[in-house]
Amino acid sequence: MRSKDEPIPADEEWYYAIDDRAHGPLSRCDLEDLLGRCGETASEVRVRKGADGQWTPFRSGSPTANTPRGQGSTSELSGPSAERAGRSGPHRSVRQAGGGGFRGVLQGHRDLVAAVGVWILLNVLFLLFWPQPYARERRYLETLQGIVAEADQLRAKPASEQEWQELARRTKQTLAPMVRDLEKSANSSELVRQQLLWCARDLAPRIIGPQTKEREGQQRRLKQYMESVAKALRDS
């Protein structure tokens, strides 16, 4: 009888596979005892003899079923080899060995998975509820960009006097609350708000109308300030 500490001869090595992962080698006796004690789990197992053997379902057509030790149902085998299989460390349970898939990894690292889940949740909450820097100033810049774009479209038509008057009216109405808000804190230490104030109060209203040399200069300065604000917001 081979001692459990002796290596398994190459022509007596057996392997089993579950969840597409191979385990072994085991001796024939240890394999039968191991799988015979696993009940319904054994129906999911494939076995092969040797490292290059052909995989065969353990429950039906298993090569072990045709050997003298494999007479009858493998689930009924018992004896000294069962004790050896019980001492076989990593192979004491097929379901334990087969639990190395993704589900097994999650079950084995529940604390890590929980920590990662909390980290993801905190980041989502941060993005949803943490105020974006200069959020109000970004809206003001978008409003000014819209006014400039609409003025350019009217000049491309060219627009009628009535259309220019309508744009001037809407521009004044839109910019009035912006100017009141910006005047509260615009100064040299708040350059973004100061430049936005210049744009909304001093430049944007003066570009409304057909193209003239004066309006062209005002619009050029307006776009320069808006580009400066946009860069500062991108860098913030």
C-alpha atoms as a PDB file:
ATOM      1  CA  MET A   1       0.000   0.000   0.000  1.00  0.00           C
ATOM      2  CA  ARG A   2       1.347   3.450  -0.953  1.00  0.00           C
ATOM      3  CA  SER A   3       1.966   5.838   1.904  1.00  0.00           C
ATOM      4  CA  LYS A   4       0.155   9.188   1.711  1.00  0.00           C
ATOM      5  CA  ASP A   5       3.574  10.856   1.752  1.00  0.00           C
ATOM      6  CA  GLU A   6       4.798   9.012  -1.329  1.00  0.00           C
ATOM      7  CA  PRO A   7       4.418  10.621  -4.771  1.00  0.00           C
ATOM      8  CA  ILE A   8       1.703   9.247  -7.044  1.00  0.00           C
ATOM      9  CA  PRO A   9       3.117   7.230  -9.966  1.00  0.00           C
ATOM     10  CA  ALA A  10       2.626   9.037 -13.283  1.00  0.00           C
ATOM     11  CA  ASP A  11       0.380   6.285 -14.685  1.00  0.00           C
ATOM     12  CA  GLU A  12      -1.924   6.434 -11.639  1.00  0.00           C
ATOM     13  CA  GLU A  13      -2.532  10.198 -11.491  1.00  0.00           C
ATOM     14  CA  TRP A  14      -6.158  11.332 -11.668  1.00  0.00           C
ATOM     15  CA  TYR A  15      -7.571  14.838 -12.056  1.00  0.00           C
ATOM     16  CA  TYR A  16     -11.032  16.292 -11.584  1.00  0.00           C
ATOM     17  CA  ALA A  17     -12.541  19.544 -12.913  1.00  0.00           C
ATOM     18  CA  ILE A  18     -15.355  21.732 -11.619  1.00  0.00           C
ATOM     19  CA  ASP A  19     -16.308  25.247 -12.725  1.00  0.00           C
ATOM     20  CA  ASP A  20     -13.788  24.857 -15.576  1.00  0.00           C
ATOM     21  CA  ARG A  21     -10.883  24.525 -13.146  1.00  0.00           C
ATOM     22  CA  ALA A  22      -8.747  21.390 -12.919  1.00  0.00           C
ATOM     23  CA  HIS A  23      -7.510  19.957  -9.611  1.00  0.00           C
ATOM     24  CA  GLY A  24      -5.091  17.142  -8.841  1.00  0.00           C
ATOM     25  CA  PRO A  25      -3.294  14.930  -9.156  1.00  0.00           C
ATOM     26  CA  LEU A  26      -4.905  12.382  -6.829  1.00  0.00           C
ATOM     27  CA  SER A  27      -4.641   8.642  -6.659  1.00  0.00           C
ATOM     28  CA  ARG A  28      -7.594   6.654  -7.959  1.00  0.00           C
ATOM     29  CA  CYS A  29      -8.620   5.682  -4.426  1.00  0.00           C
ATOM     30  CA  ASP A  30      -8.493   9.228  -3.127  1.00  0.00           C
ATOM     31  CA  LEU A  31     -10.441  10.527  -6.134  1.00  0.00           C
ATOM     32  CA  GLU A  32     -13.228   7.967  -5.702  1.00  0.00           C
ATOM     33  CA  ASP A  33     -13.508   8.566  -1.991  1.00  0.00           C
ATOM     34  CA  LEU A  34     -13.460  12.330  -2.416  1.00  0.00           C
ATOM     35  CA  LEU A  35     -16.116  12.471  -5.098  1.00  0.00           C
ATOM     36  CA  GLY A  36     -18.172   9.636  -3.628  1.00  0.00           C
ATOM     37  CA  ARG A  37     -18.831  11.706  -0.510  1.00  0.00           C
ATOM     38  CA  CYS A  38     -19.988  14.815  -2.399  1.00  0.00           C
ATOM     39  CA  GLY A  39     -23.531  13.756  -3.243  1.00  0.00           C
ATOM     40  CA  GLU A  40     -25.168  15.734  -6.039  1.00  0.00           C
ATOM     41  CA  THR A  41     -22.099  17.910  -6.456  1.00  0.00           C
ATOM     42  CA  ALA A  42     -20.306  14.999  -8.073  1.00  0.00           C
ATOM     43  CA  SER A  43     -22.706  15.192 -11.036  1.00  0.00           C
ATOM     44  CA  GLU A  44     -21.016  18.453 -12.037  1.00  0.00           C
ATOM     45  CA  VAL A  45     -17.530  16.968 -11.999  1.00  0.00           C
ATOM     46  CA  ARG A  46     -15.434  15.656 -14.896  1.00  0.00           C
ATOM     47  CA  VAL A  47     -12.425  13.425 -14.388  1.00  0.00           C
ATOM     48  CA  ARG A  48      -9.474  12.260 -16.442  1.00  0.00           C
ATOM     49  CA  LYS A  49      -6.546   9.901 -16.020  1.00  0.00           C
ATOM     50  CA  GLY A  50      -3.158  11.525 -16.487  1.00  0.00           C
ATOM     51  CA  ALA A  51      -2.348  15.114 -17.367  1.00  0.00           C
ATOM     52  CA  ASP A  52      -3.297  14.558 -21.028  1.00  0.00           C
ATOM     53  CA  GLY A  53      -6.242  12.202 -20.598  1.00  0.00           C
ATOM     54  CA  GLN A  54      -9.733  12.750 -21.968  1.00  0.00           C
ATOM     55  CA  TRP A  55     -12.239  14.431 -19.690  1.00  0.00           C
ATOM     56  CA  THR A  56     -15.245  12.259 -18.818  1.00  0.00           C
ATOM     57  CA  PRO A  57     -18.292  12.984 -16.602  1.00  0.00           C
ATOM     58  CA  PHE A  58     -17.772  11.372 -13.196  1.00  0.00           C
ATOM     59  CA  ARG A  59     -21.356  10.150 -12.763  1.00  0.00           C
ATOM     60  CA  SER A  60     -21.777   8.558 -16.198  1.00  0.00           C
ATOM     61  CA  GLY A  61     -19.024   6.999 -18.214  1.00  0.00           C
ATOM     62  CA  SER A  62     -16.268   7.878 -15.772  1.00  0.00           C
ATOM     63  CA  PRO A  63     -13.099   5.864 -16.344  1.00  0.00           C
ATOM     64  CA  THR A  64     -13.053   5.159 -12.634  1.00  0.00           C
ATOM     65  CA  ALA A  65     -16.386   3.363 -12.916  1.00  0.00           C
ATOM     66  CA  ASN A  66     -14.801   0.646 -15.039  1.00  0.00           C
ATOM     67  CA  THR A  67     -12.025  -0.151 -12.590  1.00  0.00           C
ATOM     68  CA  PRO A  68     -12.315  -2.839  -9.872  1.00  0.00           C
ATOM     69  CA  ARG A  69     -12.583  -0.156  -7.223  1.00  0.00           C
ATOM     70  CA  GLY A  70     -15.336   1.575  -9.208  1.00  0.00           C
ATOM     71  CA  GLN A  71     -17.893  -1.285  -9.092  1.00  0.00           C
ATOM     72  CA  GLY A  72     -21.360   0.045  -8.319  1.00  0.00           C
ATOM     73  CA  SER A  73     -22.153   3.597  -7.317  1.00  0.00           C
ATOM     74  CA  THR A  74     -19.137   5.675  -6.399  1.00  0.00           C
ATOM     75  CA  SER A  75     -21.207   7.462  -3.805  1.00  0.00           C
ATOM     76  CA  GLU A  76     -21.325   4.225  -1.771  1.00  0.00           C
ATOM     77  CA  LEU A  77     -17.568   3.711  -1.535  1.00  0.00           C
ATOM     78  CA  SER A  78     -16.002   3.814   1.896  1.00  0.00           C
ATOM     79  CA  GLY A  79     -13.032   2.453   3.732  1.00  0.00           C
ATOM     80  CA  PRO A  80      -9.501   3.466   4.613  1.00  0.00           C
ATOM     81  CA  SER A  81      -9.114   5.533   1.451  1.00  0.00           C
ATOM     82  CA  ALA A  82     -11.956   7.768   2.608  1.00  0.00           C
ATOM     83  CA  GLU A  83      -9.930   8.573   5.701  1.00  0.00           C
ATOM     84  CA  ARG A  84      -6.942   9.402   3.515  1.00  0.00           C
ATOM     85  CA  ALA A  85      -9.081  11.649   1.324  1.00  0.00           C
ATOM     86  CA  GLY A  86     -10.389  13.380   4.431  1.00  0.00           C
ATOM     87  CA  ARG A  87      -6.786  14.222   5.323  1.00  0.00           C
ATOM     88  CA  SER A  88      -5.933  15.445   1.828  1.00  0.00           C
ATOM     89  CA  GLY A  89      -5.961  19.150   2.723  1.00  0.00           C
ATOM     90  CA  PRO A  90      -7.095  21.252  -0.292  1.00  0.00           C
ATOM     91  CA  HIS A  91      -9.080  18.293  -1.702  1.00  0.00           C
ATOM     92  CA  ARG A  92     -11.221  17.518   1.319  1.00  0.00           C
ATOM     93  CA  SER A  93     -14.289  18.914  -0.490  1.00  0.00           C
ATOM     94  CA  VAL A  94     -15.032  19.266  -4.189  1.00  0.00           C
ATOM     95  CA  ARG A  95     -17.364  22.148  -3.535  1.00  0.00           C
ATOM     96  CA  GLN A  96     -14.655  23.848  -1.535  1.00  0.00           C
ATOM     97  CA  ALA A  97     -12.166  23.315  -4.354  1.00  0.00           C
ATOM     98  CA  GLY A  98     -14.673  24.362  -6.961  1.00  0.00           C
ATOM     99  CA  GLY A  99     -15.437  27.579  -5.143  1.00  0.00           C
ATOM    100  CA  GLY A 100     -12.457  29.340  -6.670  1.00  0.00           C
ATOM    101  CA  GLY A 101     -14.533  31.101  -9.305  1.00  0.00           C
ATOM    102  CA  PHE A 102     -15.758  34.695  -9.184  1.00  0.00           C
ATOM    103  CA  ARG A 103     -18.458  33.851  -6.680  1.00  0.00           C
ATOM    104  CA  GLY A 104     -15.929  32.148  -4.440  1.00  0.00           C
ATOM    105  CA  VAL A 105     -13.628  35.155  -4.581  1.00  0.00           C
ATOM    106  CA  LEU A 106     -16.469  37.465  -3.558  1.00  0.00           C
ATOM    107  CA  GLN A 107     -17.479  35.217  -0.684  1.00  0.00           C
ATOM    108  CA  GLY A 108     -13.887  34.998   0.501  1.00  0.00           C
ATOM    109  CA  HIS A 109     -13.363  38.762   0.458  1.00  0.00           C
ATOM    110  CA  ARG A 110     -16.644  40.145   1.744  1.00  0.00           C
ATOM    111  CA  ASP A 111     -14.957  42.863   3.790  1.00  0.00           C
ATOM    112  CA  LEU A 112     -12.976  44.067   0.770  1.00  0.00           C
ATOM    113  CA  VAL A 113     -16.061  44.025  -1.465  1.00  0.00           C
ATOM    114  CA  ALA A 114     -18.022  45.984   1.148  1.00  0.00           C
ATOM    115  CA  ALA A 115     -15.228  48.557   1.456  1.00  0.00           C
ATOM    116  CA  VAL A 116     -15.070  49.023  -2.323  1.00  0.00           C
ATOM    117  CA  GLY A 117     -18.852  49.418  -2.442  1.00  0.00           C
ATOM    118  CA  VAL A 118     -18.778  52.133   0.230  1.00  0.00           C
ATOM    119  CA  TRP A 119     -15.938  53.921  -1.596  1.00  0.00           C
ATOM    120  CA  ILE A 120     -17.901  53.940  -4.863  1.00  0.00           C
ATOM    121  CA  LEU A 121     -21.039  55.195  -3.101  1.00  0.00           C
ATOM    122  CA  LEU A 122     -19.146  58.053  -1.444  1.00  0.00           C
ATOM    123  CA  ASN A 123     -17.664  59.130  -4.769  1.00  0.00           C
ATOM    124  CA  VAL A 124     -21.100  59.118  -6.419  1.00  0.00           C
ATOM    125  CA  LEU A 125     -22.567  61.201  -3.591  1.00  0.00           C
ATOM    126  CA  PHE A 126     -19.624  63.603  -3.834  1.00  0.00           C
ATOM    127  CA  LEU A 127     -20.207  64.143  -7.552  1.00  0.00           C
ATOM    128  CA  LEU A 128     -23.959  64.567  -7.087  1.00  0.00           C
ATOM    129  CA  PHE A 129     -24.066  66.875  -4.087  1.00  0.00           C
ATOM    130  CA  TRP A 130     -20.691  68.564  -3.709  1.00  0.00           C
ATOM    131  CA  PRO A 131     -20.973  72.044  -5.235  1.00  0.00           C
ATOM    132  CA  GLN A 132     -18.912  72.556  -8.368  1.00  0.00           C
ATOM    133  CA  PRO A 133     -16.380  75.398  -8.003  1.00  0.00           C
ATOM    134  CA  TYR A 134     -17.582  78.594  -9.701  1.00  0.00           C
ATOM    135  CA  ALA A 135     -20.883  76.953 -10.686  1.00  0.00           C
ATOM    136  CA  ARG A 136     -22.674  80.328 -10.876  1.00  0.00           C
ATOM    137  CA  GLU A 137     -19.832  81.937 -12.811  1.00  0.00           C
ATOM    138  CA  ARG A 138     -19.901  79.092 -15.322  1.00  0.00           C
ATOM    139  CA  ARG A 139     -23.594  79.751 -15.969  1.00  0.00           C
ATOM    140  CA  TYR A 140     -22.892  83.465 -16.427  1.00  0.00           C
ATOM    141  CA  LEU A 141     -20.190  82.711 -18.993  1.00  0.00           C
ATOM    142  CA  GLU A 142     -22.543  80.392 -20.919  1.00  0.00           C
ATOM    143  CA  THR A 143     -25.168  83.151 -20.975  1.00  0.00           C
ATOM    144  CA  LEU A 144     -22.690  85.660 -22.394  1.00  0.00           C
ATOM    145  CA  GLN A 145     -21.522  83.171 -25.005  1.00  0.00           C
ATOM    146  CA  GLY A 146     -25.135  82.664 -26.061  1.00  0.00           C
ATOM    147  CA  ILE A 147     -25.675  86.425 -26.497  1.00  0.00           C
ATOM    148  CA  VAL A 148     -22.552  86.734 -28.654  1.00  0.00           C
ATOM    149  CA  ALA A 149     -23.607  83.765 -30.793  1.00  0.00           C
ATOM    150  CA  GLU A 150     -27.086  85.189 -31.338  1.00  0.00           C
ATOM    151  CA  ALA A 151     -25.661  88.587 -32.329  1.00  0.00           C
ATOM    152  CA  ASP A 152     -23.369  86.900 -34.854  1.00  0.00           C
ATOM    153  CA  GLN A 153     -26.333  85.024 -36.337  1.00  0.00           C
ATOM    154  CA  LEU A 154     -28.364  88.205 -36.771  1.00  0.00           C
ATOM    155  CA  ARG A 155     -25.464  89.955 -38.514  1.00  0.00           C
ATOM    156  CA  ALA A 156     -25.133  87.022 -40.900  1.00  0.00           C
ATOM    157  CA  LYS A 157     -28.739  87.454 -42.138  1.00  0.00           C
ATOM    158  CA  PRO A 158     -28.643  90.566 -42.008  1.00  0.00           C
ATOM    159  CA  ALA A 159     -31.361  91.187 -39.381  1.00  0.00           C
ATOM    160  CA  SER A 160     -34.033  93.868 -39.336  1.00  0.00           C
ATOM    161  CA  GLU A 161     -34.106  96.751 -36.885  1.00  0.00           C
ATOM    162  CA  GLN A 162     -37.010  95.112 -35.087  1.00  0.00           C
ATOM    163  CA  GLU A 163     -35.002  91.919 -34.553  1.00  0.00           C
ATOM    164  CA  TRP A 164     -32.092  93.892 -33.094  1.00  0.00           C
ATOM    165  CA  GLN A 165     -34.433  95.738 -30.755  1.00  0.00           C
ATOM    166  CA  GLU A 166     -35.889  92.460 -29.553  1.00  0.00           C
ATOM    167  CA  LEU A 167     -32.416  91.015 -28.911  1.00  0.00           C
ATOM    168  CA  ALA A 168     -31.390  94.195 -27.066  1.00  0.00           C
ATOM    169  CA  ARG A 169     -34.486  93.970 -24.857  1.00  0.00           C
ATOM    170  CA  ARG A 170     -33.889  90.295 -23.980  1.00  0.00           C
ATOM    171  CA  THR A 171     -30.176  90.907 -23.408  1.00  0.00           C
ATOM    172  CA  LYS A 172     -30.858  93.739 -20.951  1.00  0.00           C
ATOM    173  CA  GLN A 173     -33.404  91.623 -19.108  1.00  0.00           C
ATOM    174  CA  THR A 174     -31.071  88.614 -18.931  1.00  0.00           C
ATOM    175  CA  LEU A 175     -27.972  90.527 -17.825  1.00  0.00           C
ATOM    176  CA  ALA A 176     -29.614  92.705 -15.141  1.00  0.00           C
ATOM    177  CA  PRO A 177     -29.638  90.057 -12.327  1.00  0.00           C
ATOM    178  CA  MET A 178     -26.142  88.925 -13.315  1.00  0.00           C
ATOM    179  CA  VAL A 179     -24.774  92.451 -12.993  1.00  0.00           C
ATOM    180  CA  ARG A 180     -26.443  92.962  -9.591  1.00  0.00           C
ATOM    181  CA  ASP A 181     -24.911  89.736  -8.278  1.00  0.00           C
ATOM    182  CA  LEU A 182     -21.436  90.365  -9.697  1.00  0.00           C
ATOM    183  CA  GLU A 183     -21.281  93.916  -8.329  1.00  0.00           C
ATOM    184  CA  LYS A 184     -21.510  92.527  -4.775  1.00  0.00           C
ATOM    185  CA  SER A 185     -18.067  90.899  -4.811  1.00  0.00           C
ATOM    186  CA  ALA A 186     -16.263  91.665  -8.068  1.00  0.00           C
ATOM    187  CA  ASN A 187     -12.779  93.018  -7.338  1.00  0.00           C
ATOM    188  CA  SER A 188      -9.132  92.454  -8.210  1.00  0.00           C
ATOM    189  CA  SER A 189      -8.912  89.443  -5.872  1.00  0.00           C
ATOM    190  CA  GLU A 190     -11.935  87.871  -7.604  1.00  0.00           C
ATOM    191  CA  LEU A 191     -10.698  88.318 -11.157  1.00  0.00           C
ATOM    192  CA  VAL A 192     -13.201  85.879 -12.683  1.00  0.00           C
ATOM    193  CA  ARG A 193     -16.149  87.790 -11.285  1.00  0.00           C
ATOM    194  CA  GLN A 194     -14.582  91.139 -12.150  1.00  0.00           C
ATOM    195  CA  GLN A 195     -14.085  90.173 -15.797  1.00  0.00           C
ATOM    196  CA  LEU A 196     -17.599  88.744 -15.960  1.00  0.00           C
ATOM    197  CA  LEU A 197     -18.909  92.054 -14.606  1.00  0.00           C
ATOM    198  CA  TRP A 198     -17.083  93.987 -17.299  1.00  0.00           C
ATOM    199  CA  CYS A 199     -18.525  91.654 -19.921  1.00  0.00           C
ATOM    200  CA  ALA A 200     -22.127  91.764 -18.672  1.00  0.00           C
ATOM    201  CA  ARG A 201     -22.320  95.455 -17.705  1.00  0.00           C
ATOM    202  CA  ASP A 202     -19.966  97.283 -20.054  1.00  0.00           C
ATOM    203  CA  LEU A 203     -19.465  95.214 -23.220  1.00  0.00           C
ATOM    204  CA  ALA A 204     -22.261  92.781 -24.050  1.00  0.00           C
ATOM    205  CA  PRO A 205     -25.038  95.425 -24.334  1.00  0.00           C
ATOM    206  CA  ARG A 206     -22.881  97.462 -26.747  1.00  0.00           C
ATOM    207  CA  ILE A 207     -22.428  94.720 -29.344  1.00  0.00           C
ATOM    208  CA  ILE A 208     -26.158  94.503 -30.106  1.00  0.00           C
ATOM    209  CA  GLY A 209     -26.766  95.970 -33.557  1.00  0.00           C
ATOM    210  CA  PRO A 210     -25.461  95.918 -37.116  1.00  0.00           C
ATOM    211  CA  GLN A 211     -21.726  95.679 -37.549  1.00  0.00           C
ATOM    212  CA  THR A 212     -19.783  98.911 -37.035  1.00  0.00           C
ATOM    213  CA  LYS A 213     -16.150  99.595 -36.299  1.00  0.00           C
ATOM    214  CA  GLU A 214     -16.981 100.525 -32.723  1.00  0.00           C
ATOM    215  CA  ARG A 215     -19.093  97.385 -32.145  1.00  0.00           C
ATOM    216  CA  GLU A 216     -16.380  95.276 -33.713  1.00  0.00           C
ATOM    217  CA  GLY A 217     -13.858  96.576 -31.160  1.00  0.00           C
ATOM    218  CA  GLN A 218     -16.288  96.063 -28.264  1.00  0.00           C
ATOM    219  CA  GLN A 219     -16.976  92.498 -29.338  1.00  0.00           C
ATOM    220  CA  ARG A 220     -13.272  91.747 -29.699  1.00  0.00           C
ATOM    221  CA  ARG A 221     -12.652  92.894 -26.116  1.00  0.00           C
ATOM    222  CA  LEU A 222     -15.705  90.957 -24.925  1.00  0.00           C
ATOM    223  CA  LYS A 223     -14.401  87.727 -26.447  1.00  0.00           C
ATOM    224  CA  GLN A 224     -10.948  88.280 -24.958  1.00  0.00           C
ATOM    225  CA  TYR A 225     -12.414  88.617 -21.460  1.00  0.00           C
ATOM    226  CA  MET A 226     -14.633  85.580 -21.959  1.00  0.00           C
ATOM    227  CA  GLU A 227     -11.660  83.506 -23.094  1.00  0.00           C
ATOM    228  CA  SER A 228      -9.724  84.624 -20.001  1.00  0.00           C
ATOM    229  CA  VAL A 229     -12.656  83.609 -17.767  1.00  0.00           C
ATOM    230  CA  ALA A 230     -13.038  80.274 -19.530  1.00  0.00           C
ATOM    231  CA  LYS A 231      -9.345  79.464 -18.999  1.00  0.00           C
ATOM    232  CA  ALA A 232      -9.525  80.381 -15.316  1.00  0.00           C
ATOM    233  CA  LEU A 233     -12.583  78.152 -14.851  1.00  0.00           C
ATOM    234  CA  ARG A 234     -10.904  75.239 -16.601  1.00  0.00           C
ATOM    235  CA  ASP A 235      -7.874  75.571 -14.321  1.00  0.00           C
ATOM    236  CA  SER A 236      -9.927  75.815 -11.139  1.00  0.00           C
END
